Amino acid sequence: MATDRDFIDYVTGQAALDDRLSHKKMFGEYALYVDGKVVAFACDNSLFVKPSTAAATLAPKLPRRPPYPGAKDYPVADELLDDADAIRRLLVETAALMPLPRPRKLAATAKRGK
């Protein structure tokens, strides 16, 4: 089951991070970014936060399961969604621990000026 846009709107509304929080649709699901860093995935209308010390410290009792077949287990933050301060803090502190995204390489044709 793909994630509903209403779920994404709810998550972004609860986090209240304005332009700092963005999302990108991927294969019917979503990746969520804070300050350009991937911090979570929305899959099957559940919020999977990237495993980190932030999740282990702020929400150590969150259930864990894979967001999609073949993935490792991620903390599932659904029970925090009604607590705007908790979800915001978890996303921001997770972003602080994530590396900056790698710069994209230009396509070969772009390098040749075509």
Protein backbone atom coordinates (compact mmCIF):
# COMPACT_ATOMS: atom_id res chain seq x y z
CA MET A 1 0.00 0.00 0.00
CA ALA A 2 1.44 3.36 -0.99
CA THR A 3 1.60 6.23 1.46
CA ASP A 4 -1.27 8.73 1.19
CA ARG A 5 -0.48 12.40 0.57
CA ASP A 6 -2.69 13.19 3.59
CA PHE A 7 -0.24 11.28 5.80
CA ILE A 8 2.70 13.32 4.47
CA ASP A 9 0.75 16.54 5.02
CA TYR A 10 0.04 15.48 8.61
CA VAL A 11 3.68 14.63 9.33
CA THR A 12 4.97 17.89 7.87
CA GLY A 13 2.29 19.87 9.67
CA GLN A 14 3.10 18.25 13.01
CA ALA A 15 6.85 18.77 12.58
CA ALA A 16 6.26 22.46 11.78
CA LEU A 17 9.71 22.93 10.29
CA ASP A 18 8.46 24.98 7.33
CA ASP A 19 11.03 25.10 4.51
CA ARG A 20 13.56 23.04 6.48
CA LEU A 21 11.43 19.90 5.96
CA SER A 22 10.84 18.65 2.45
CA HIS A 23 9.79 15.36 0.90
CA LYS A 24 10.22 13.52 -2.35
CA LYS A 25 7.98 10.80 -3.70
CA MET A 26 9.78 7.57 -4.51
CA PHE A 27 8.06 4.43 -5.79
CA GLY A 28 4.75 5.38 -4.13
CA GLU A 29 6.44 6.14 -0.82
CA TYR A 30 8.31 9.22 0.41
CA ALA A 31 11.72 10.26 1.66
CA LEU A 32 11.68 13.14 4.16
CA TYR A 33 14.55 15.62 4.34
CA VAL A 34 15.54 18.17 6.98
CA ASP A 35 18.03 20.75 5.73
CA GLY A 36 18.61 18.59 2.65
CA LYS A 37 19.49 15.46 4.65
CA VAL A 38 17.38 12.29 4.53
CA VAL A 39 15.99 11.76 8.04
CA ALA A 40 13.01 9.46 7.52
CA PHE A 41 10.88 7.48 5.12
CA ALA A 42 7.11 7.33 4.94
CA CYS A 43 6.07 3.84 3.88
CA ASP A 44 2.59 2.33 4.14
CA ASN A 45 1.44 5.40 6.11
CA SER A 46 4.07 4.87 8.81
CA LEU A 47 7.05 7.08 9.64
CA PHE A 48 10.40 5.27 9.67
CA VAL A 49 13.16 7.41 11.16
CA LYS A 50 16.77 6.79 10.18
CA PRO A 51 18.47 4.74 12.88
CA SER A 52 20.77 7.00 14.91
CA THR A 53 21.79 7.91 18.42
CA ALA A 54 19.06 10.55 18.31
CA ALA A 55 16.37 7.88 17.96
CA ALA A 56 18.08 5.64 20.53
CA THR A 57 18.26 8.50 23.05
CA LEU A 58 15.01 10.39 22.44
CA ALA A 59 12.72 7.44 21.73
CA PRO A 60 14.43 4.18 22.73
CA LYS A 61 11.19 2.21 23.02
CA LEU A 62 9.96 2.80 19.48
CA PRO A 63 9.14 -0.43 17.67
CA ARG A 64 11.50 -1.34 14.85
CA ARG A 65 10.76 -2.96 11.51
CA PRO A 66 11.93 -2.63 7.91
CA PRO A 67 10.21 0.09 5.85
CA TYR A 68 10.31 -2.09 2.75
CA PRO A 69 11.31 -5.67 1.91
CA GLY A 70 15.02 -6.26 2.22
CA ALA A 71 15.70 -3.16 4.33
CA LYS A 72 17.21 -3.17 7.79
CA ASP A 73 14.99 -2.34 10.78
CA TYR A 74 14.18 1.33 11.36
CA PRO A 75 12.51 2.94 14.38
CA VAL A 76 8.81 3.48 13.61
CA ALA A 77 7.80 6.86 15.02
CA ASP A 78 4.02 6.63 14.51
CA GLU A 79 3.30 6.92 18.23
CA LEU A 80 5.14 10.27 18.32
CA LEU A 81 3.14 11.87 15.52
CA ASP A 82 0.55 13.36 17.87
CA ASP A 83 3.33 15.01 19.91
CA ALA A 84 4.55 17.83 17.65
CA ASP A 85 7.48 18.78 19.89
CA ALA A 86 8.73 15.19 20.13
CA ILE A 87 8.56 14.48 16.39
CA ARG A 88 10.15 17.85 15.54
CA ARG A 89 13.01 17.26 17.97
CA LEU A 90 13.58 13.72 16.71
CA LEU A 91 13.73 14.85 13.07
CA VAL A 92 15.99 17.84 13.77
CA GLU A 93 18.39 15.88 15.96
CA THR A 94 18.50 13.05 13.43
CA ALA A 95 19.38 15.57 10.70
CA ALA A 96 22.20 16.95 12.83
CA LEU A 97 23.78 13.48 12.84
CA MET A 98 23.37 12.72 9.14
CA PRO A 99 26.10 13.53 6.61
CA LEU A 100 25.56 16.15 3.95
CA PRO A 101 24.34 14.66 0.68
CA ARG A 102 27.00 14.00 -1.91
CA PRO A 103 27.06 16.48 -4.80
CA ARG A 104 25.49 15.06 -7.91
CA LYS A 105 27.77 14.33 -10.85
CA LEU A 106 26.91 16.05 -14.09
CA ALA A 107 25.76 13.81 -16.89
CA ALA A 108 28.42 13.05 -19.48
CA THR A 109 26.62 15.11 -22.10
CA ALA A 110 26.42 18.10 -19.78
CA LYS A 111 30.18 17.92 -19.21
CA ARG A 112 30.78 18.16 -22.92
CA GLY A 113 28.57 21.24 -23.21
CA LYS A 114 25.81 19.58 -25.20
